[in-house]
N, C-alpha and C. Protein backbone atom coordinates (compact mmCIF):
# COMPACT_ATOMS: atom_id res chain seq x y z
N UNK A 1 0.83 -1.20 0.00
CA UNK A 1 0.00 0.00 0.00
C UNK A 1 0.87 1.26 0.00
N UNK A 2 2.02 1.21 0.71
CA UNK A 2 2.92 2.36 0.72
C UNK A 2 3.48 2.62 -0.67
N UNK A 3 3.87 1.54 -1.38
CA UNK A 3 4.41 1.72 -2.73
C UNK A 3 3.37 2.30 -3.66
N UNK A 4 2.12 1.88 -3.50
CA UNK A 4 1.04 2.43 -4.32
C UNK A 4 0.87 3.92 -4.03
N UNK A 5 0.92 4.29 -2.75
CA UNK A 5 0.81 5.70 -2.38
C UNK A 5 1.97 6.50 -2.97
N UNK A 6 3.17 5.93 -2.90
CA UNK A 6 4.36 6.61 -3.42
C UNK A 6 4.22 6.82 -4.93
N UNK A 7 3.74 5.80 -5.65
CA UNK A 7 3.53 5.93 -7.09
C UNK A 7 2.52 7.03 -7.37
N UNK A 8 1.40 7.05 -6.64
CA UNK A 8 0.38 8.08 -6.86
C UNK A 8 0.91 9.47 -6.56
N UNK A 9 1.75 9.60 -5.52
CA UNK A 9 2.32 10.90 -5.17
C UNK A 9 3.21 11.39 -6.32
N UNK A 10 4.10 10.53 -6.82
CA UNK A 10 4.99 10.93 -7.91
C UNK A 10 4.19 11.23 -9.17
N UNK A 11 3.20 10.41 -9.46
CA UNK A 11 2.39 10.62 -10.66
C UNK A 11 1.62 11.94 -10.57
N UNK A 12 1.14 12.29 -9.39
CA UNK A 12 0.42 13.55 -9.20
C UNK A 12 1.34 14.74 -9.45
N UNK A 13 2.57 14.66 -8.96
CA UNK A 13 3.54 15.73 -9.19
C UNK A 13 3.79 15.90 -10.68
N UNK A 14 3.98 14.79 -11.37
CA UNK A 14 4.26 14.86 -12.81
C UNK A 14 3.05 15.36 -13.59
N UNK A 15 1.87 14.95 -13.19
CA UNK A 15 0.67 15.40 -13.90
C UNK A 15 0.50 16.91 -13.79
N UNK A 16 0.94 17.48 -12.68
CA UNK A 16 0.84 18.93 -12.50
C UNK A 16 1.87 19.67 -13.34
N UNK A 17 2.96 19.00 -13.67
CA UNK A 17 4.06 19.68 -14.36
C UNK A 17 4.10 19.46 -15.86
N UNK A 18 3.72 18.28 -16.29
CA UNK A 18 3.92 17.94 -17.70
C UNK A 18 2.61 17.60 -18.39
N UNK A 19 2.28 18.30 -19.46
CA UNK A 19 1.07 17.95 -20.21
C UNK A 19 1.15 16.54 -20.78
N UNK A 20 2.34 16.04 -21.08
CA UNK A 20 2.47 14.72 -21.67
C UNK A 20 2.03 13.61 -20.71
N UNK A 21 1.99 13.90 -19.41
CA UNK A 21 1.56 12.86 -18.48
C UNK A 21 0.07 12.55 -18.64
N UNK A 22 -0.67 13.48 -19.22
CA UNK A 22 -2.07 13.17 -19.47
C UNK A 22 -2.20 12.08 -20.52
N UNK A 23 -1.30 12.07 -21.49
CA UNK A 23 -1.28 10.99 -22.47
C UNK A 23 -0.93 9.68 -21.77
N UNK A 24 -0.01 9.74 -20.80
CA UNK A 24 0.36 8.57 -20.02
C UNK A 24 -0.84 8.06 -19.23
N UNK A 25 -1.58 8.98 -18.62
CA UNK A 25 -2.78 8.61 -17.87
C UNK A 25 -3.81 7.94 -18.78
N UNK A 26 -3.99 8.48 -19.98
CA UNK A 26 -4.92 7.88 -20.94
C UNK A 26 -4.46 6.48 -21.31
N UNK A 27 -3.14 6.31 -21.45
CA UNK A 27 -2.60 4.99 -21.77
C UNK A 27 -2.92 4.00 -20.64
N UNK A 28 -2.75 4.44 -19.40
CA UNK A 28 -3.07 3.57 -18.27
C UNK A 28 -4.54 3.20 -18.27
N UNK A 29 -5.40 4.14 -18.64
CA UNK A 29 -6.83 3.85 -18.72
C UNK A 29 -7.11 2.80 -19.78
N UNK A 30 -6.35 2.82 -20.87
CA UNK A 30 -6.55 1.84 -21.93
C UNK A 30 -6.17 0.44 -21.50
N UNK A 31 -5.34 0.34 -20.46
CA UNK A 31 -4.97 -0.98 -19.98
C UNK A 31 -6.10 -1.66 -19.22
N UNK A 32 -7.21 -0.98 -19.08
CA UNK A 32 -8.37 -1.60 -18.45
C UNK A 32 -8.27 -1.67 -16.95
N UNK A 33 -7.62 -0.69 -16.32
CA UNK A 33 -7.56 -0.68 -14.86
C UNK A 33 -6.45 -1.52 -14.30
N UNK A 34 -5.40 -1.77 -15.08
CA UNK A 34 -4.30 -2.58 -14.59
C UNK A 34 -3.54 -1.88 -13.47
N UNK A 35 -3.66 -0.57 -13.37
CA UNK A 35 -3.00 0.20 -12.31
C UNK A 35 -4.06 0.92 -11.52
N UNK A 36 -4.00 0.84 -10.20
CA UNK A 36 -4.98 1.49 -9.35
C UNK A 36 -4.85 3.01 -9.38
N UNK A 37 -5.87 3.70 -8.92
CA UNK A 37 -5.84 5.15 -8.85
C UNK A 37 -6.01 5.57 -7.41
N UNK A 38 -5.93 6.86 -7.16
CA UNK A 38 -6.09 7.35 -5.79
C UNK A 38 -7.47 7.02 -5.24
N UNK A 39 -8.48 6.99 -6.12
CA UNK A 39 -9.84 6.69 -5.66
C UNK A 39 -10.05 5.19 -5.49
N UNK A 40 -9.28 4.36 -6.20
CA UNK A 40 -9.39 2.92 -6.04
C UNK A 40 -7.99 2.34 -5.88
N UNK A 41 -7.47 2.29 -4.65
CA UNK A 41 -6.09 1.93 -4.44
C UNK A 41 -5.75 0.48 -4.75
N UNK A 42 -6.71 -0.38 -4.98
CA UNK A 42 -6.37 -1.77 -5.27
C UNK A 42 -6.03 -1.93 -6.74
N UNK A 43 -5.18 -2.89 -7.02
CA UNK A 43 -4.80 -3.16 -8.38
C UNK A 43 -5.81 -4.14 -8.97
N UNK A 44 -6.54 -3.69 -9.97
CA UNK A 44 -7.57 -4.51 -10.60
C UNK A 44 -6.98 -5.27 -11.77
N UNK A 45 -7.56 -6.39 -12.09
CA UNK A 45 -7.12 -7.17 -13.24
C UNK A 45 -7.70 -6.58 -14.51
N UNK A 46 -6.89 -6.51 -15.56
CA UNK A 46 -7.44 -6.03 -16.83
C UNK A 46 -8.44 -7.03 -17.39
N UNK A 47 -9.37 -6.53 -18.17
CA UNK A 47 -10.41 -7.38 -18.75
C UNK A 47 -9.87 -8.09 -19.99
N UNK A 48 -9.11 -9.15 -19.79
CA UNK A 48 -8.57 -9.94 -20.88
C UNK A 48 -9.11 -11.36 -20.72
N UNK A 49 -9.64 -11.93 -21.78
CA UNK A 49 -10.20 -13.28 -21.65
C UNK A 49 -9.13 -14.29 -21.26
N UNK A 50 -9.51 -15.24 -20.43
CA UNK A 50 -8.58 -16.27 -19.99
C UNK A 50 -8.46 -17.31 -21.10
N UNK A 51 -7.22 -17.54 -21.52
CA UNK A 51 -6.95 -18.51 -22.57
C UNK A 51 -6.06 -19.58 -21.96
N UNK A 52 -6.51 -20.84 -22.00
CA UNK A 52 -5.67 -21.89 -21.42
C UNK A 52 -4.38 -22.05 -22.23
N UNK A 53 -3.27 -22.31 -21.55
CA UNK A 53 -2.01 -22.50 -22.27
C UNK A 53 -2.06 -23.73 -23.16
N UNK A 54 -1.44 -23.64 -24.32
CA UNK A 54 -1.46 -24.77 -25.26
C UNK A 54 -0.16 -25.54 -25.26
N UNK A 55 0.87 -25.03 -24.68
CA UNK A 55 2.16 -25.71 -24.65
C UNK A 55 2.91 -25.35 -23.40
N UNK A 56 4.19 -25.50 -23.46
CA UNK A 56 5.00 -25.14 -22.31
C UNK A 56 5.28 -23.65 -22.34
N UNK A 57 5.64 -23.12 -21.19
CA UNK A 57 5.92 -21.70 -21.11
C UNK A 57 4.68 -20.90 -20.76
N UNK A 58 4.84 -19.59 -20.69
CA UNK A 58 3.72 -18.73 -20.31
C UNK A 58 2.64 -18.69 -21.38
N UNK A 59 1.41 -18.50 -20.95
CA UNK A 59 0.30 -18.38 -21.89
C UNK A 59 0.39 -17.06 -22.65
N UNK A 60 -0.33 -16.95 -23.72
CA UNK A 60 -0.35 -15.70 -24.48
C UNK A 60 -0.90 -14.56 -23.64
N UNK A 61 -1.87 -14.87 -22.79
CA UNK A 61 -2.43 -13.85 -21.89
C UNK A 61 -1.34 -13.30 -20.97
N UNK A 62 -0.53 -14.19 -20.40
CA UNK A 62 0.54 -13.76 -19.52
C UNK A 62 1.57 -12.94 -20.28
N UNK A 63 1.93 -13.36 -21.47
CA UNK A 63 2.89 -12.60 -22.28
C UNK A 63 2.36 -11.21 -22.62
N UNK A 64 1.06 -11.11 -22.91
CA UNK A 64 0.46 -9.80 -23.19
C UNK A 64 0.50 -8.89 -21.97
N UNK A 65 0.20 -9.44 -20.81
CA UNK A 65 0.23 -8.65 -19.58
C UNK A 65 1.65 -8.20 -19.24
N UNK A 66 2.61 -9.09 -19.43
CA UNK A 66 4.01 -8.73 -19.17
C UNK A 66 4.44 -7.62 -20.12
N UNK A 67 4.07 -7.76 -21.38
CA UNK A 67 4.42 -6.73 -22.37
C UNK A 67 3.83 -5.38 -22.00
N UNK A 68 2.57 -5.37 -21.57
CA UNK A 68 1.94 -4.11 -21.17
C UNK A 68 2.63 -3.51 -19.95
N UNK A 69 3.01 -4.37 -18.99
CA UNK A 69 3.68 -3.85 -17.79
C UNK A 69 5.04 -3.26 -18.14
N UNK A 70 5.79 -3.92 -19.02
CA UNK A 70 7.08 -3.37 -19.44
C UNK A 70 6.87 -2.01 -20.11
N UNK A 71 5.83 -1.91 -20.94
CA UNK A 71 5.52 -0.63 -21.59
C UNK A 71 5.22 0.45 -20.57
N UNK A 72 4.45 0.13 -19.54
CA UNK A 72 4.12 1.10 -18.49
C UNK A 72 5.38 1.55 -17.78
N UNK A 73 6.25 0.62 -17.43
CA UNK A 73 7.49 0.97 -16.72
C UNK A 73 8.38 1.87 -17.58
N UNK A 74 8.53 1.53 -18.86
CA UNK A 74 9.40 2.33 -19.73
C UNK A 74 8.78 3.69 -20.04
N UNK A 75 7.46 3.73 -20.15
CA UNK A 75 6.81 5.02 -20.38
C UNK A 75 6.96 5.92 -19.15
N UNK A 76 6.83 5.34 -17.97
CA UNK A 76 7.03 6.11 -16.74
C UNK A 76 8.46 6.64 -16.69
N UNK A 77 9.42 5.83 -17.12
CA UNK A 77 10.81 6.28 -17.16
C UNK A 77 10.96 7.50 -18.06
N UNK A 78 10.32 7.48 -19.21
CA UNK A 78 10.38 8.61 -20.14
C UNK A 78 9.75 9.87 -19.54
N UNK A 79 8.64 9.70 -18.83
CA UNK A 79 7.97 10.84 -18.21
C UNK A 79 8.88 11.46 -17.15
N UNK A 80 9.49 10.62 -16.31
CA UNK A 80 10.41 11.14 -15.30
C UNK A 80 11.61 11.82 -15.95
N UNK A 81 12.12 11.27 -17.04
CA UNK A 81 13.24 11.89 -17.73
C UNK A 81 12.83 13.26 -18.27
N UNK A 82 11.63 13.36 -18.82
CA UNK A 82 11.13 14.66 -19.29
C UNK A 82 11.01 15.65 -18.15
N UNK A 83 10.54 15.17 -17.00
CA UNK A 83 10.42 16.05 -15.83
C UNK A 83 11.81 16.51 -15.38
N UNK A 84 12.79 15.62 -15.43
CA UNK A 84 14.15 15.99 -15.05
C UNK A 84 14.68 17.10 -15.94
N UNK A 85 14.44 16.99 -17.23
CA UNK A 85 14.88 18.03 -18.17
C UNK A 85 14.16 19.34 -17.87
N UNK A 86 12.86 19.25 -17.61
CA UNK A 86 12.05 20.44 -17.32
C UNK A 86 12.61 21.17 -16.10
N UNK A 87 12.89 20.41 -15.02
CA UNK A 87 13.43 21.02 -13.81
C UNK A 87 14.83 21.57 -14.04
N UNK A 88 15.65 20.83 -14.77
CA UNK A 88 17.02 21.30 -15.03
C UNK A 88 17.03 22.62 -15.79
N UNK A 89 16.13 22.77 -16.76
CA UNK A 89 16.06 24.01 -17.52
C UNK A 89 15.67 25.20 -16.64
N UNK A 90 15.04 24.95 -15.52
CA UNK A 90 14.61 26.00 -14.61
C UNK A 90 15.52 26.12 -13.39
N UNK A 91 16.72 25.57 -13.52
CA UNK A 91 17.73 25.60 -12.46
C UNK A 91 17.23 25.01 -11.14
N UNK A 92 16.39 24.01 -11.21
CA UNK A 92 15.91 23.30 -10.03
C UNK A 92 16.63 21.95 -9.99
N UNK A 93 17.93 22.02 -9.71
CA UNK A 93 18.79 20.86 -9.87
C UNK A 93 18.46 19.71 -8.92
N UNK A 94 18.01 20.02 -7.71
CA UNK A 94 17.63 18.96 -6.78
C UNK A 94 16.46 18.14 -7.30
N UNK A 95 15.44 18.82 -7.78
CA UNK A 95 14.28 18.12 -8.34
C UNK A 95 14.67 17.37 -9.62
N UNK A 96 15.55 17.99 -10.43
CA UNK A 96 16.01 17.34 -11.66
C UNK A 96 16.73 16.04 -11.34
N UNK A 97 17.57 16.07 -10.33
CA UNK A 97 18.30 14.87 -9.92
C UNK A 97 17.35 13.79 -9.41
N UNK A 98 16.35 14.20 -8.62
CA UNK A 98 15.38 13.24 -8.09
C UNK A 98 14.59 12.59 -9.23
N UNK A 99 14.14 13.39 -10.20
CA UNK A 99 13.39 12.84 -11.32
C UNK A 99 14.26 11.91 -12.17
N UNK A 100 15.54 12.23 -12.31
CA UNK A 100 16.45 11.38 -13.06
C UNK A 100 16.63 10.04 -12.35
N UNK A 101 16.73 10.07 -11.02
CA UNK A 101 16.81 8.82 -10.24
C UNK A 101 15.54 8.00 -10.42
N UNK A 102 14.40 8.66 -10.39
CA UNK A 102 13.12 7.95 -10.58
C UNK A 102 13.05 7.35 -11.98
N UNK A 103 13.55 8.07 -12.98
CA UNK A 103 13.58 7.55 -14.35
C UNK A 103 14.41 6.28 -14.41
N UNK A 104 15.59 6.32 -13.79
CA UNK A 104 16.45 5.13 -13.77
C UNK A 104 15.77 3.97 -13.06
N UNK A 105 15.07 4.27 -11.97
CA UNK A 105 14.38 3.22 -11.22
C UNK A 105 13.31 2.54 -12.08
N UNK A 106 12.49 3.35 -12.76
CA UNK A 106 11.42 2.78 -13.59
C UNK A 106 11.99 1.98 -14.76
N UNK A 107 13.06 2.49 -15.36
CA UNK A 107 13.72 1.75 -16.45
C UNK A 107 14.24 0.42 -15.92
N UNK A 108 14.81 0.46 -14.73
CA UNK A 108 15.29 -0.77 -14.09
C UNK A 108 14.19 -1.78 -13.88
N UNK A 109 13.00 -1.30 -13.50
CA UNK A 109 11.86 -2.21 -13.33
C UNK A 109 11.55 -2.91 -14.65
N UNK A 110 11.47 -2.12 -15.72
CA UNK A 110 11.17 -2.71 -17.04
C UNK A 110 12.21 -3.72 -17.47
N UNK A 111 13.49 -3.39 -17.27
CA UNK A 111 14.56 -4.31 -17.65
C UNK A 111 14.55 -5.55 -16.78
N UNK A 112 14.23 -5.41 -15.49
CA UNK A 112 14.15 -6.57 -14.60
C UNK A 112 13.06 -7.53 -15.06
N UNK A 113 11.95 -6.98 -15.49
CA UNK A 113 10.86 -7.85 -15.97
C UNK A 113 11.32 -8.59 -17.22
N UNK A 114 12.02 -7.91 -18.11
CA UNK A 114 12.50 -8.56 -19.33
C UNK A 114 13.54 -9.64 -19.01
N UNK A 115 14.37 -9.39 -18.01
CA UNK A 115 15.39 -10.38 -17.63
C UNK A 115 14.79 -11.61 -16.97
N UNK A 116 13.63 -11.45 -16.34
CA UNK A 116 12.98 -12.54 -15.63
C UNK A 116 12.56 -13.60 -16.63
């Protein structure tokens, strides 16, 4: 629950600063509720039909969900990187550094999922 709150806090800061985060929010909405919001803190399952696996390895449904999650992580990394540039241009170096660290963290999440 703390991590969810932390994500919402960072996302709220970015939404106030960058118009492009609204496109990110719309993208999250397209995932069918895969990420919770401040009004619904639980993580809901996206509305994807359950398909039984036909062979070994992950099902197509699982591969689709993993792909979407990697996309969310990498898109969040891009948004944080944009915020870092925005802050740096305004000589707000502390905030720029924090956003750059957050960008690296989100990119790391996406790469970790791919390595798994």
